[in-house]
Amino acid sequence: MTMAYFVFQQMLYVAIPLLMVSLGGLFSERSGVVNIALEGIMVFGAFFGILTLFMLQGMFAPQLLFVIGMLAAILAGMAIAAVHAFASINMKADQTISGTAINMFAPAFAVVMARLVYSVKEIPFKNVFLIRKVPLLGDIPVIGDLFFKNAYITTYLGLIILIVVVFVMYKTRFGLRLRAAGENPNALDAAGVNVYKIRWAAVLISGALGGLGGFAIMIPVSTSFSGTVSGYGFLALAILIFGQWKPIPVFISSIFFALTLTISNVYSAIPFFTNLNIPEQFFKMFPYIATLIVLWFSSKTQAAPKALGDPYDQGKR
């Protein structure tokens, strides 16, 4: 059981950030703005969040510093997402080109800024943010070992975000208008709602969650940031597609993809896999093979939201 707990906790370190980023993409794309800039947004959020940790390390209690880093990542993600929103919504630029430009710009920006700040391309930080055990809750059998030991604040925050997103998307006026902005913007405009404002709000939320996810995914796996999030932004897009642009399926997809990544990274510590005598290259390829298979399957059975990415061209600002 100890090994099962270890694998589950390692999976959560990846699944929750991927969930955050995918839900961010869900907001943007359900509003009608294609957002392939998730990779760049994650890089931006991770850079500014970790830069904040680097500059303020030792000045605050670890968990308070972690929260400050999260806020910095959220603001950074929103800032770069605003560029995408302005280009895509106001200027009616090609949304794919805008997203690609951000994906290319963010890593270069992070490396240049890191050299200016620290003289090398990596920004180091001390990972003192792991919560070894939550008082009382960590003593609950099974659940305590799974969720309330060796966890980060972002683990609980991610689950709260999922609940909030489900509620907002399906139980609020904003959620209804958001979905209408992507599926039938002309009808939404006829109802007197400013489609541009709804889409701006959606893209900014996407940036906030993307930046937070980029920061959250780097903390457990590294002690420095070198301008890359290892393609997790593109994996979040795959999760979003496989999850049919719906919160709960996206959550399930995040768990699945995170499990494949976890197996790829920790297979050597699991006796069952080492006894199979399978070449290690197979385990390294496993997440990518799984991604290709599920995307092929989803392309045969699913379609994007009706008007996903169609520009709203009513001349209204």
C-alpha atoms as a PDB file:
ATOM      1  CA  MET A   1       0.000   0.000   0.000  1.00  0.00           C
ATOM      2  CA  THR A   2       2.901   2.363   0.641  1.00  0.00           C
ATOM      3  CA  MET A   3       3.896   2.162  -3.030  1.00  0.00           C
ATOM      4  CA  ALA A   4       0.291   2.822  -4.082  1.00  0.00           C
ATOM      5  CA  TYR A   5       0.189   5.926  -1.894  1.00  0.00           C
ATOM      6  CA  PHE A   6       3.487   7.105  -3.372  1.00  0.00           C
ATOM      7  CA  VAL A   7       2.299   6.681  -6.974  1.00  0.00           C
ATOM      8  CA  PHE A   8      -1.013   8.387  -6.228  1.00  0.00           C
ATOM      9  CA  GLN A   9       0.675  11.380  -4.608  1.00  0.00           C
ATOM     10  CA  GLN A  10       3.149  11.698  -7.462  1.00  0.00           C
ATOM     11  CA  MET A  11       0.242  11.568  -9.895  1.00  0.00           C
ATOM     12  CA  LEU A  12      -1.545  14.410  -8.081  1.00  0.00           C
ATOM     13  CA  TYR A  13       1.538  16.605  -8.428  1.00  0.00           C
ATOM     14  CA  VAL A  14       1.008  16.482 -12.201  1.00  0.00           C
ATOM     15  CA  ALA A  15      -2.753  15.941 -12.480  1.00  0.00           C
ATOM     16  CA  ILE A  16      -3.857  19.027 -10.535  1.00  0.00           C
ATOM     17  CA  PRO A  17      -1.744  21.549 -12.490  1.00  0.00           C
ATOM     18  CA  LEU A  18      -2.809  19.937 -15.766  1.00  0.00           C
ATOM     19  CA  LEU A  19      -6.413  20.180 -14.590  1.00  0.00           C
ATOM     20  CA  MET A  20      -6.005  23.896 -13.839  1.00  0.00           C
ATOM     21  CA  VAL A  21      -4.504  24.630 -17.251  1.00  0.00           C
ATOM     22  CA  SER A  22      -7.073  22.518 -19.093  1.00  0.00           C
ATOM     23  CA  LEU A  23      -9.943  24.244 -17.299  1.00  0.00           C
ATOM     24  CA  GLY A  24      -8.386  27.546 -18.289  1.00  0.00           C
ATOM     25  CA  GLY A  25      -8.388  26.430 -21.903  1.00  0.00           C
ATOM     26  CA  LEU A  26     -11.995  25.300 -21.473  1.00  0.00           C
ATOM     27  CA  PHE A  27     -13.095  28.823 -20.514  1.00  0.00           C
ATOM     28  CA  SER A  28     -11.393  30.378 -23.511  1.00  0.00           C
ATOM     29  CA  GLU A  29     -12.493  27.848 -26.087  1.00  0.00           C
ATOM     30  CA  ARG A  30     -16.079  27.560 -24.883  1.00  0.00           C
ATOM     31  CA  SER A  31     -16.316  31.338 -25.369  1.00  0.00           C
ATOM     32  CA  GLY A  32     -15.185  30.991 -28.993  1.00  0.00           C
ATOM     33  CA  VAL A  33     -11.505  31.909 -28.695  1.00  0.00           C
ATOM     34  CA  VAL A  34      -9.075  29.143 -29.617  1.00  0.00           C
ATOM     35  CA  ASN A  35      -6.233  29.168 -27.097  1.00  0.00           C
ATOM     36  CA  ILE A  36      -3.218  27.146 -28.140  1.00  0.00           C
ATOM     37  CA  ALA A  37      -1.096  29.623 -26.153  1.00  0.00           C
ATOM     38  CA  LEU A  38      -1.471  27.542 -22.976  1.00  0.00           C
ATOM     39  CA  GLU A  39       2.171  26.469 -23.171  1.00  0.00           C
ATOM     40  CA  GLY A  40       3.387  30.061 -23.314  1.00  0.00           C
ATOM     41  CA  ILE A  41       0.989  31.128 -20.582  1.00  0.00           C
ATOM     42  CA  MET A  42       2.305  28.348 -18.343  1.00  0.00           C
ATOM     43  CA  VAL A  43       5.884  29.446 -18.995  1.00  0.00           C
ATOM     44  CA  PHE A  44       5.008  33.040 -18.171  1.00  0.00           C
ATOM     45  CA  GLY A  45       3.239  32.079 -14.957  1.00  0.00           C
ATOM     46  CA  ALA A  46       5.991  29.688 -13.879  1.00  0.00           C
ATOM     47  CA  PHE A  47       8.707  32.267 -14.537  1.00  0.00           C
ATOM     48  CA  PHE A  48       7.157  35.123 -12.593  1.00  0.00           C
ATOM     49  CA  GLY A  49       5.934  32.849  -9.816  1.00  0.00           C
ATOM     50  CA  ILE A  50       9.361  31.287  -9.290  1.00  0.00           C
ATOM     51  CA  LEU A  51      11.087  34.655  -9.719  1.00  0.00           C
ATOM     52  CA  THR A  52       8.902  35.881  -6.857  1.00  0.00           C
ATOM     53  CA  LEU A  53      10.004  32.931  -4.723  1.00  0.00           C
ATOM     54  CA  PHE A  54      13.637  33.639  -5.589  1.00  0.00           C
ATOM     55  CA  MET A  55      13.426  37.317  -4.664  1.00  0.00           C
ATOM     56  CA  LEU A  56      11.356  36.892  -1.482  1.00  0.00           C
ATOM     57  CA  GLN A  57      12.741  33.604  -0.162  1.00  0.00           C
ATOM     58  CA  GLY A  58      13.350  33.894   3.574  1.00  0.00           C
ATOM     59  CA  MET A  59      11.233  37.023   3.994  1.00  0.00           C
ATOM     60  CA  PHE A  60       7.946  35.189   4.614  1.00  0.00           C
ATOM     61  CA  ALA A  61       6.749  31.907   6.082  1.00  0.00           C
ATOM     62  CA  PRO A  62       6.966  29.134   3.443  1.00  0.00           C
ATOM     63  CA  GLN A  63       3.219  28.714   2.839  1.00  0.00           C
ATOM     64  CA  LEU A  64       2.615  32.471   2.726  1.00  0.00           C
ATOM     65  CA  LEU A  65       5.472  32.832   0.252  1.00  0.00           C
ATOM     66  CA  PHE A  66       3.917  30.033  -1.810  1.00  0.00           C
ATOM     67  CA  VAL A  67       0.609  31.908  -1.929  1.00  0.00           C
ATOM     68  CA  ILE A  68       2.404  35.101  -2.994  1.00  0.00           C
ATOM     69  CA  GLY A  69       4.131  33.126  -5.744  1.00  0.00           C
ATOM     70  CA  MET A  70       0.764  31.792  -6.883  1.00  0.00           C
ATOM     71  CA  LEU A  71      -0.648  35.323  -7.063  1.00  0.00           C
ATOM     72  CA  ALA A  72       2.336  36.458  -9.129  1.00  0.00           C
ATOM     73  CA  ALA A  73       1.845  33.523 -11.505  1.00  0.00           C
ATOM     74  CA  ILE A  74      -1.861  34.305 -11.862  1.00  0.00           C
ATOM     75  CA  LEU A  75      -1.201  37.960 -12.683  1.00  0.00           C
ATOM     76  CA  ALA A  76       1.539  37.045 -15.159  1.00  0.00           C
ATOM     77  CA  GLY A  77      -0.737  34.543 -16.884  1.00  0.00           C
ATOM     78  CA  MET A  78      -3.500  37.116 -17.150  1.00  0.00           C
ATOM     79  CA  ALA A  79      -1.067  39.689 -18.575  1.00  0.00           C
ATOM     80  CA  ILE A  80       0.118  37.470 -21.427  1.00  0.00           C
ATOM     81  CA  ALA A  81      -3.430  36.183 -22.010  1.00  0.00           C
ATOM     82  CA  ALA A  82      -4.569  39.801 -22.416  1.00  0.00           C
ATOM     83  CA  VAL A  83      -2.222  40.067 -25.404  1.00  0.00           C
ATOM     84  CA  HIS A  84      -3.900  37.041 -26.956  1.00  0.00           C
ATOM     85  CA  ALA A  85      -7.351  38.454 -26.166  1.00  0.00           C
ATOM     86  CA  PHE A  86      -6.576  41.829 -27.728  1.00  0.00           C
ATOM     87  CA  ALA A  87      -5.155  40.251 -30.879  1.00  0.00           C
ATOM     88  CA  SER A  88      -7.907  37.652 -31.260  1.00  0.00           C
ATOM     89  CA  ILE A  89     -10.973  39.580 -30.112  1.00  0.00           C
ATOM     90  CA  ASN A  90     -10.354  43.244 -30.812  1.00  0.00           C
ATOM     91  CA  MET A  91      -7.971  43.018 -33.748  1.00  0.00           C
ATOM     92  CA  LYS A  92      -9.604  39.838 -35.158  1.00  0.00           C
ATOM     93  CA  ALA A  93      -6.180  38.326 -35.804  1.00  0.00           C
ATOM     94  CA  ASP A  94      -5.807  34.644 -36.554  1.00  0.00           C
ATOM     95  CA  GLN A  95      -6.154  32.998 -33.144  1.00  0.00           C
ATOM     96  CA  THR A  96      -3.786  30.157 -33.985  1.00  0.00           C
ATOM     97  CA  ILE A  97      -1.034  32.528 -35.089  1.00  0.00           C
ATOM     98  CA  SER A  98      -1.505  34.675 -31.985  1.00  0.00           C
ATOM     99  CA  GLY A  99      -1.241  31.634 -29.725  1.00  0.00           C
ATOM    100  CA  THR A 100       1.797  30.322 -31.572  1.00  0.00           C
ATOM    101  CA  ALA A 101       3.524  33.689 -31.238  1.00  0.00           C
ATOM    102  CA  ILE A 102       3.015  33.625 -27.470  1.00  0.00           C
ATOM    103  CA  ASN A 103       4.337  30.068 -27.270  1.00  0.00           C
ATOM    104  CA  MET A 104       7.491  31.184 -29.081  1.00  0.00           C
ATOM    105  CA  PHE A 105       7.896  34.443 -27.169  1.00  0.00           C
ATOM    106  CA  ALA A 106       7.428  33.221 -23.582  1.00  0.00           C
ATOM    107  CA  PRO A 107      10.424  30.816 -23.298  1.00  0.00           C
ATOM    108  CA  ALA A 108      12.778  33.304 -24.948  1.00  0.00           C
ATOM    109  CA  PHE A 109      11.547  36.079 -22.667  1.00  0.00           C
ATOM    110  CA  ALA A 110      12.010  33.893 -19.582  1.00  0.00           C
ATOM    111  CA  VAL A 111      15.583  32.957 -20.515  1.00  0.00           C
ATOM    112  CA  VAL A 112      16.595  36.561 -21.291  1.00  0.00           C
ATOM    113  CA  MET A 113      15.046  37.884 -18.087  1.00  0.00           C
ATOM    114  CA  ALA A 114      16.642  35.093 -16.041  1.00  0.00           C
ATOM    115  CA  ARG A 115      20.069  36.046 -17.361  1.00  0.00           C
ATOM    116  CA  LEU A 116      19.426  39.676 -16.437  1.00  0.00           C
ATOM    117  CA  VAL A 117      18.329  38.733 -12.922  1.00  0.00           C
ATOM    118  CA  TYR A 118      20.656  35.843 -12.069  1.00  0.00           C
ATOM    119  CA  SER A 119      23.274  35.864 -14.868  1.00  0.00           C
ATOM    120  CA  VAL A 120      22.301  32.327 -15.940  1.00  0.00           C
ATOM    121  CA  LYS A 121      19.213  31.027 -17.680  1.00  0.00           C
ATOM    122  CA  GLU A 122      17.896  29.207 -14.593  1.00  0.00           C
ATOM    123  CA  ILE A 123      16.118  30.791 -11.625  1.00  0.00           C
ATOM    124  CA  PRO A 124      16.674  28.613  -8.498  1.00  0.00           C
ATOM    125  CA  PHE A 125      14.359  28.240  -5.539  1.00  0.00           C
ATOM    126  CA  LYS A 126      14.167  26.164  -2.372  1.00  0.00           C
ATOM    127  CA  ASN A 127      11.240  23.778  -2.278  1.00  0.00           C
ATOM    128  CA  VAL A 128      10.100  24.097   1.325  1.00  0.00           C
ATOM    129  CA  PHE A 129       6.411  24.151   0.476  1.00  0.00           C
ATOM    130  CA  LEU A 130       5.495  20.476   0.832  1.00  0.00           C
ATOM    131  CA  ILE A 131       2.929  19.859   3.564  1.00  0.00           C
ATOM    132  CA  ARG A 132       4.116  16.682   5.234  1.00  0.00           C
ATOM    133  CA  LYS A 133       0.878  16.107   7.103  1.00  0.00           C
ATOM    134  CA  VAL A 134      -2.329  18.077   7.603  1.00  0.00           C
ATOM    135  CA  PRO A 135      -3.216  18.003  11.326  1.00  0.00           C
ATOM    136  CA  LEU A 136      -6.129  15.663  12.179  1.00  0.00           C
ATOM    137  CA  LEU A 137      -7.066  15.080   8.527  1.00  0.00           C
ATOM    138  CA  GLY A 138      -3.795  13.259   7.933  1.00  0.00           C
ATOM    139  CA  ASP A 139      -4.806  10.681  10.539  1.00  0.00           C
ATOM    140  CA  ILE A 140      -7.887   9.538   8.606  1.00  0.00           C
ATOM    141  CA  PRO A 141      -7.340   5.983   7.324  1.00  0.00           C
ATOM    142  CA  VAL A 142      -6.557   5.697   3.602  1.00  0.00           C
ATOM    143  CA  ILE A 143      -7.932   9.151   2.685  1.00  0.00           C
ATOM    144  CA  GLY A 144      -5.479  10.823   5.036  1.00  0.00           C
ATOM    145  CA  ASP A 145      -2.547   9.008   3.434  1.00  0.00           C
ATOM    146  CA  LEU A 146      -3.778   9.799  -0.088  1.00  0.00           C
ATOM    147  CA  PHE A 147      -4.746  13.450   0.182  1.00  0.00           C
ATOM    148  CA  PHE A 148      -3.484  14.946   3.428  1.00  0.00           C
ATOM    149  CA  LYS A 149       0.136  13.826   3.531  1.00  0.00           C
ATOM    150  CA  ASN A 150       2.985  15.047   1.294  1.00  0.00           C
ATOM    151  CA  ALA A 151       0.716  17.510  -0.522  1.00  0.00           C
ATOM    152  CA  TYR A 152       0.839  21.109  -1.696  1.00  0.00           C
ATOM    153  CA  ILE A 153      -1.711  23.875  -1.250  1.00  0.00           C
ATOM    154  CA  THR A 154      -2.309  23.727  -4.994  1.00  0.00           C
ATOM    155  CA  THR A 155      -3.670  20.186  -4.635  1.00  0.00           C
ATOM    156  CA  TYR A 156      -6.626  21.397  -2.604  1.00  0.00           C
ATOM    157  CA  LEU A 157      -6.927  24.607  -4.594  1.00  0.00           C
ATOM    158  CA  GLY A 158      -7.184  22.643  -7.836  1.00  0.00           C
ATOM    159  CA  LEU A 159     -10.056  20.526  -6.528  1.00  0.00           C
ATOM    160  CA  ILE A 160     -11.844  23.660  -5.315  1.00  0.00           C
ATOM    161  CA  ILE A 161     -11.346  25.259  -8.729  1.00  0.00           C
ATOM    162  CA  LEU A 162     -12.922  22.207 -10.381  1.00  0.00           C
ATOM    163  CA  ILE A 163     -16.032  22.509  -8.198  1.00  0.00           C
ATOM    164  CA  VAL A 164     -16.261  26.257  -8.843  1.00  0.00           C
ATOM    165  CA  VAL A 165     -15.870  25.800 -12.602  1.00  0.00           C
ATOM    166  CA  VAL A 166     -18.651  23.196 -12.736  1.00  0.00           C
ATOM    167  CA  PHE A 167     -20.939  25.521 -10.789  1.00  0.00           C
ATOM    168  CA  VAL A 168     -20.068  28.617 -12.830  1.00  0.00           C
ATOM    169  CA  MET A 169     -20.302  26.860 -16.162  1.00  0.00           C
ATOM    170  CA  TYR A 170     -23.703  25.246 -15.640  1.00  0.00           C
ATOM    171  CA  LYS A 171     -25.429  27.076 -12.792  1.00  0.00           C
ATOM    172  CA  THR A 172     -24.757  30.778 -13.391  1.00  0.00           C
ATOM    173  CA  ARG A 173     -25.769  33.427 -15.880  1.00  0.00           C
ATOM    174  CA  PHE A 174     -22.137  34.034 -16.765  1.00  0.00           C
ATOM    175  CA  GLY A 175     -21.665  30.363 -17.645  1.00  0.00           C
ATOM    176  CA  LEU A 176     -24.710  30.405 -19.899  1.00  0.00           C
ATOM    177  CA  ARG A 177     -23.486  33.533 -21.648  1.00  0.00           C
ATOM    178  CA  LEU A 178     -19.995  32.084 -21.943  1.00  0.00           C
ATOM    179  CA  ARG A 179     -21.254  28.995 -23.741  1.00  0.00           C
ATOM    180  CA  ALA A 180     -23.533  31.109 -25.919  1.00  0.00           C
ATOM    181  CA  ALA A 181     -20.585  33.307 -26.919  1.00  0.00           C
ATOM    182  CA  GLY A 182     -18.923  30.262 -28.442  1.00  0.00           C
ATOM    183  CA  GLU A 183     -21.965  28.468 -29.822  1.00  0.00           C
ATOM    184  CA  ASN A 184     -24.209  31.295 -31.023  1.00  0.00           C
ATOM    185  CA  PRO A 185     -22.645  34.755 -30.553  1.00  0.00           C
ATOM    186  CA  ASN A 186     -25.207  36.456 -32.792  1.00  0.00           C
ATOM    187  CA  ALA A 187     -28.068  35.311 -30.555  1.00  0.00           C
ATOM    188  CA  LEU A 188     -26.153  36.511 -27.499  1.00  0.00           C
ATOM    189  CA  ASP A 189     -25.637  39.891 -29.137  1.00  0.00           C
ATOM    190  CA  ALA A 190     -29.336  40.076 -30.006  1.00  0.00           C
ATOM    191  CA  ALA A 191     -30.086  39.542 -26.310  1.00  0.00           C
ATOM    192  CA  GLY A 192     -28.114  42.698 -25.532  1.00  0.00           C
ATOM    193  CA  VAL A 193     -24.987  41.053 -24.119  1.00  0.00           C
ATOM    194  CA  ASN A 194     -21.570  42.321 -25.172  1.00  0.00           C
ATOM    195  CA  VAL A 195     -19.878  39.266 -26.673  1.00  0.00           C
ATOM    196  CA  TYR A 196     -16.481  40.921 -26.577  1.00  0.00           C
ATOM    197  CA  LYS A 197     -16.651  41.413 -22.814  1.00  0.00           C
ATOM    198  CA  ILE A 198     -17.635  37.798 -22.235  1.00  0.00           C
ATOM    199  CA  ARG A 199     -14.754  36.577 -24.383  1.00  0.00           C
ATOM    200  CA  TRP A 200     -12.294  38.935 -22.727  1.00  0.00           C
ATOM    201  CA  ALA A 201     -13.335  37.637 -19.308  1.00  0.00           C
ATOM    202  CA  ALA A 202     -12.992  34.048 -20.500  1.00  0.00           C
ATOM    203  CA  VAL A 203      -9.500  34.542 -21.935  1.00  0.00           C
ATOM    204  CA  LEU A 204      -8.323  36.348 -18.792  1.00  0.00           C
ATOM    205  CA  ILE A 205      -9.635  33.481 -16.648  1.00  0.00           C
ATOM    206  CA  SER A 206      -7.810  31.130 -18.991  1.00  0.00           C
ATOM    207  CA  GLY A 207      -4.610  33.102 -18.422  1.00  0.00           C
ATOM    208  CA  ALA A 208      -5.057  33.087 -14.654  1.00  0.00           C
ATOM    209  CA  LEU A 209      -5.527  29.314 -14.485  1.00  0.00           C
ATOM    210  CA  GLY A 210      -2.787  28.684 -17.052  1.00  0.00           C
ATOM    211  CA  GLY A 211      -0.275  30.799 -15.154  1.00  0.00           C
ATOM    212  CA  LEU A 212      -1.208  29.145 -11.874  1.00  0.00           C
ATOM    213  CA  GLY A 213      -0.914  25.694 -13.438  1.00  0.00           C
ATOM    214  CA  GLY A 214       2.516  26.490 -14.864  1.00  0.00           C
ATOM    215  CA  PHE A 215       3.749  27.543 -11.437  1.00  0.00           C
ATOM    216  CA  ALA A 216       2.138  24.589  -9.663  1.00  0.00           C
ATOM    217  CA  ILE A 217       3.601  21.985 -11.996  1.00  0.00           C
ATOM    218  CA  MET A 218       7.188  23.212 -11.623  1.00  0.00           C
ATOM    219  CA  ILE A 219       7.359  23.285  -7.823  1.00  0.00           C
ATOM    220  CA  PRO A 220       7.177  19.492  -7.137  1.00  0.00           C
ATOM    221  CA  VAL A 221       9.461  18.422 -10.000  1.00  0.00           C
ATOM    222  CA  SER A 222      12.346  20.888  -9.919  1.00  0.00           C
ATOM    223  CA  THR A 223      14.389  23.338  -7.867  1.00  0.00           C
ATOM    224  CA  SER A 224      14.967  25.793 -10.700  1.00  0.00           C
ATOM    225  CA  PHE A 225      13.174  27.157 -13.744  1.00  0.00           C
ATOM    226  CA  SER A 226      14.935  27.241 -17.109  1.00  0.00           C
ATOM    227  CA  GLY A 227      12.247  28.702 -19.364  1.00  0.00           C
ATOM    228  CA  THR A 228      10.293  25.566 -20.218  1.00  0.00           C
ATOM    229  CA  VAL A 229       7.371  23.550 -18.856  1.00  0.00           C
ATOM    230  CA  SER A 230       8.291  20.475 -20.898  1.00  0.00           C
ATOM    231  CA  GLY A 231       5.305  20.627 -23.241  1.00  0.00           C
ATOM    232  CA  TYR A 232       2.674  20.333 -20.514  1.00  0.00           C
ATOM    233  CA  GLY A 233       0.689  23.165 -22.120  1.00  0.00           C
ATOM    234  CA  PHE A 234       0.233  21.115 -25.269  1.00  0.00           C
ATOM    235  CA  LEU A 235      -0.656  18.099 -23.152  1.00  0.00           C
ATOM    236  CA  ALA A 236      -3.325  20.254 -21.469  1.00  0.00           C
ATOM    237  CA  LEU A 237      -4.776  20.908 -24.927  1.00  0.00           C
ATOM    238  CA  ALA A 238      -4.917  17.164 -25.540  1.00  0.00           C
ATOM    239  CA  ILE A 239      -6.670  16.722 -22.185  1.00  0.00           C
ATOM    240  CA  LEU A 240      -9.151  19.441 -23.103  1.00  0.00           C
ATOM    241  CA  ILE A 241      -9.964  17.753 -26.419  1.00  0.00           C
ATOM    242  CA  PHE A 242     -10.224  14.274 -24.917  1.00  0.00           C
ATOM    243  CA  GLY A 243     -12.408  15.711 -22.145  1.00  0.00           C
ATOM    244  CA  GLN A 244     -14.901  17.035 -24.731  1.00  0.00           C
ATOM    245  CA  TRP A 245     -14.588  20.602 -23.400  1.00  0.00           C
ATOM    246  CA  LYS A 246     -16.514  19.608 -20.247  1.00  0.00           C
ATOM    247  CA  PRO A 247     -15.153  20.038 -16.677  1.00  0.00           C
ATOM    248  CA  ILE A 248     -15.708  16.552 -15.243  1.00  0.00           C
ATOM    249  CA  PRO A 249     -14.427  14.641 -18.313  1.00  0.00           C
ATOM    250  CA  VAL A 250     -11.456  17.035 -18.355  1.00  0.00           C
ATOM    251  CA  PHE A 251     -10.752  16.104 -14.730  1.00  0.00           C
ATOM    252  CA  ILE A 252     -10.876  12.392 -15.564  1.00  0.00           C
ATOM    253  CA  SER A 253      -8.607  12.968 -18.565  1.00  0.00           C
ATOM    254  CA  SER A 254      -6.141  14.839 -16.353  1.00  0.00           C
ATOM    255  CA  ILE A 255      -5.963  11.872 -14.009  1.00  0.00           C
ATOM    256  CA  PHE A 256      -5.373   9.492 -16.909  1.00  0.00           C
ATOM    257  CA  PHE A 257      -2.610  11.507 -18.539  1.00  0.00           C
ATOM    258  CA  ALA A 258      -0.973  12.258 -15.188  1.00  0.00           C
ATOM    259  CA  LEU A 259      -0.944   8.533 -14.412  1.00  0.00           C
ATOM    260  CA  THR A 260       0.868   7.773 -17.687  1.00  0.00           C
ATOM    261  CA  LEU A 261       3.441  10.464 -16.910  1.00  0.00           C
ATOM    262  CA  THR A 262       3.888   9.174 -13.371  1.00  0.00           C
ATOM    263  CA  ILE A 263       4.440   5.615 -14.561  1.00  0.00           C
ATOM    264  CA  SER A 264       6.989   6.940 -17.046  1.00  0.00           C
ATOM    265  CA  ASN A 265       8.899   8.740 -14.301  1.00  0.00           C
ATOM    266  CA  VAL A 266       8.755   6.293 -11.374  1.00  0.00           C
ATOM    267  CA  TYR A 267       8.472   2.893 -13.075  1.00  0.00           C
ATOM    268  CA  SER A 268      11.958   1.918 -11.860  1.00  0.00           C
ATOM    269  CA  ALA A 269      10.729   2.146  -8.252  1.00  0.00           C
ATOM    270  CA  ILE A 270       7.748  -0.158  -8.880  1.00  0.00           C
ATOM    271  CA  PRO A 271       8.679  -3.865  -8.646  1.00  0.00           C
ATOM    272  CA  PHE A 272       5.831  -4.954 -10.942  1.00  0.00           C
ATOM    273  CA  PHE A 273       7.200  -2.950 -13.868  1.00  0.00           C
ATOM    274  CA  THR A 274      10.852  -3.754 -13.255  1.00  0.00           C
ATOM    275  CA  ASN A 275      10.033  -7.478 -13.218  1.00  0.00           C
ATOM    276  CA  LEU A 276       8.530  -7.215 -16.707  1.00  0.00           C
ATOM    277  CA  ASN A 277      12.015  -6.612 -18.154  1.00  0.00           C
ATOM    278  CA  ILE A 278      10.637  -4.132 -20.664  1.00  0.00           C
ATOM    279  CA  PRO A 279      13.189  -1.665 -22.095  1.00  0.00           C
ATOM    280  CA  GLU A 280      13.101   1.683 -20.330  1.00  0.00           C
ATOM    281  CA  GLN A 281      12.540   3.421 -23.675  1.00  0.00           C
ATOM    282  CA  PHE A 282       9.027   1.985 -23.741  1.00  0.00           C
ATOM    283  CA  PHE A 283       8.143   3.640 -20.444  1.00  0.00           C
ATOM    284  CA  LYS A 284       9.608   6.941 -21.615  1.00  0.00           C
ATOM    285  CA  MET A 285       7.452   6.771 -24.744  1.00  0.00           C
ATOM    286  CA  PHE A 286       4.354   5.560 -22.936  1.00  0.00           C
ATOM    287  CA  PRO A 287       2.746   8.982 -22.202  1.00  0.00           C
ATOM    288  CA  TYR A 288       3.166  10.100 -25.803  1.00  0.00           C
ATOM    289  CA  ILE A 289       1.861   6.861 -27.255  1.00  0.00           C
ATOM    290  CA  ALA A 290      -1.152   7.104 -24.952  1.00  0.00           C
ATOM    291  CA  THR A 291      -1.709  10.704 -26.062  1.00  0.00           C
ATOM    292  CA  LEU A 292      -1.688   9.765 -29.743  1.00  0.00           C
ATOM    293  CA  ILE A 293      -4.047   6.833 -29.192  1.00  0.00           C
ATOM    294  CA  VAL A 294      -6.640   8.756 -27.184  1.00  0.00           C
ATOM    295  CA  LEU A 295      -6.537  11.747 -29.547  1.00  0.00           C
ATOM    296  CA  TRP A 296      -7.044   9.441 -32.511  1.00  0.00           C
ATOM    297  CA  PHE A 297      -9.948   7.804 -30.715  1.00  0.00           C
ATOM    298  CA  SER A 298     -11.478  11.119 -29.677  1.00  0.00           C
ATOM    299  CA  SER A 299     -11.191  12.484 -33.225  1.00  0.00           C
ATOM    300  CA  LYS A 300     -13.417   9.630 -34.370  1.00  0.00           C
ATOM    301  CA  THR A 301     -16.095  10.133 -31.758  1.00  0.00           C
ATOM    302  CA  GLN A 302     -16.116  13.806 -30.812  1.00  0.00           C
ATOM    303  CA  ALA A 303     -16.356  17.229 -32.354  1.00  0.00           C
ATOM    304  CA  ALA A 304     -15.363  20.621 -31.057  1.00  0.00           C
ATOM    305  CA  PRO A 305     -18.082  22.963 -29.767  1.00  0.00           C
ATOM    306  CA  LYS A 306     -20.225  24.191 -32.627  1.00  0.00           C
ATOM    307  CA  ALA A 307     -18.766  27.621 -33.256  1.00  0.00           C
ATOM    308  CA  LEU A 308     -15.434  27.124 -31.526  1.00  0.00           C
ATOM    309  CA  GLY A 309     -13.017  29.758 -32.710  1.00  0.00           C
ATOM    310  CA  ASP A 310     -15.368  31.427 -35.202  1.00  0.00           C
ATOM    311  CA  PRO A 311     -14.725  35.182 -35.124  1.00  0.00           C
ATOM    312  CA  TYR A 312     -17.606  37.323 -33.924  1.00  0.00           C
ATOM    313  CA  ASP A 313     -17.765  40.051 -36.517  1.00  0.00           C
ATOM    314  CA  GLN A 314     -20.510  42.466 -35.580  1.00  0.00           C
ATOM    315  CA  GLY A 315     -18.287  45.544 -35.317  1.00  0.00           C
ATOM    316  CA  LYS A 316     -19.213  45.911 -31.644  1.00  0.00           C
ATOM    317  CA  ARG A 317     -16.596  46.971 -29.117  1.00  0.00           C
END
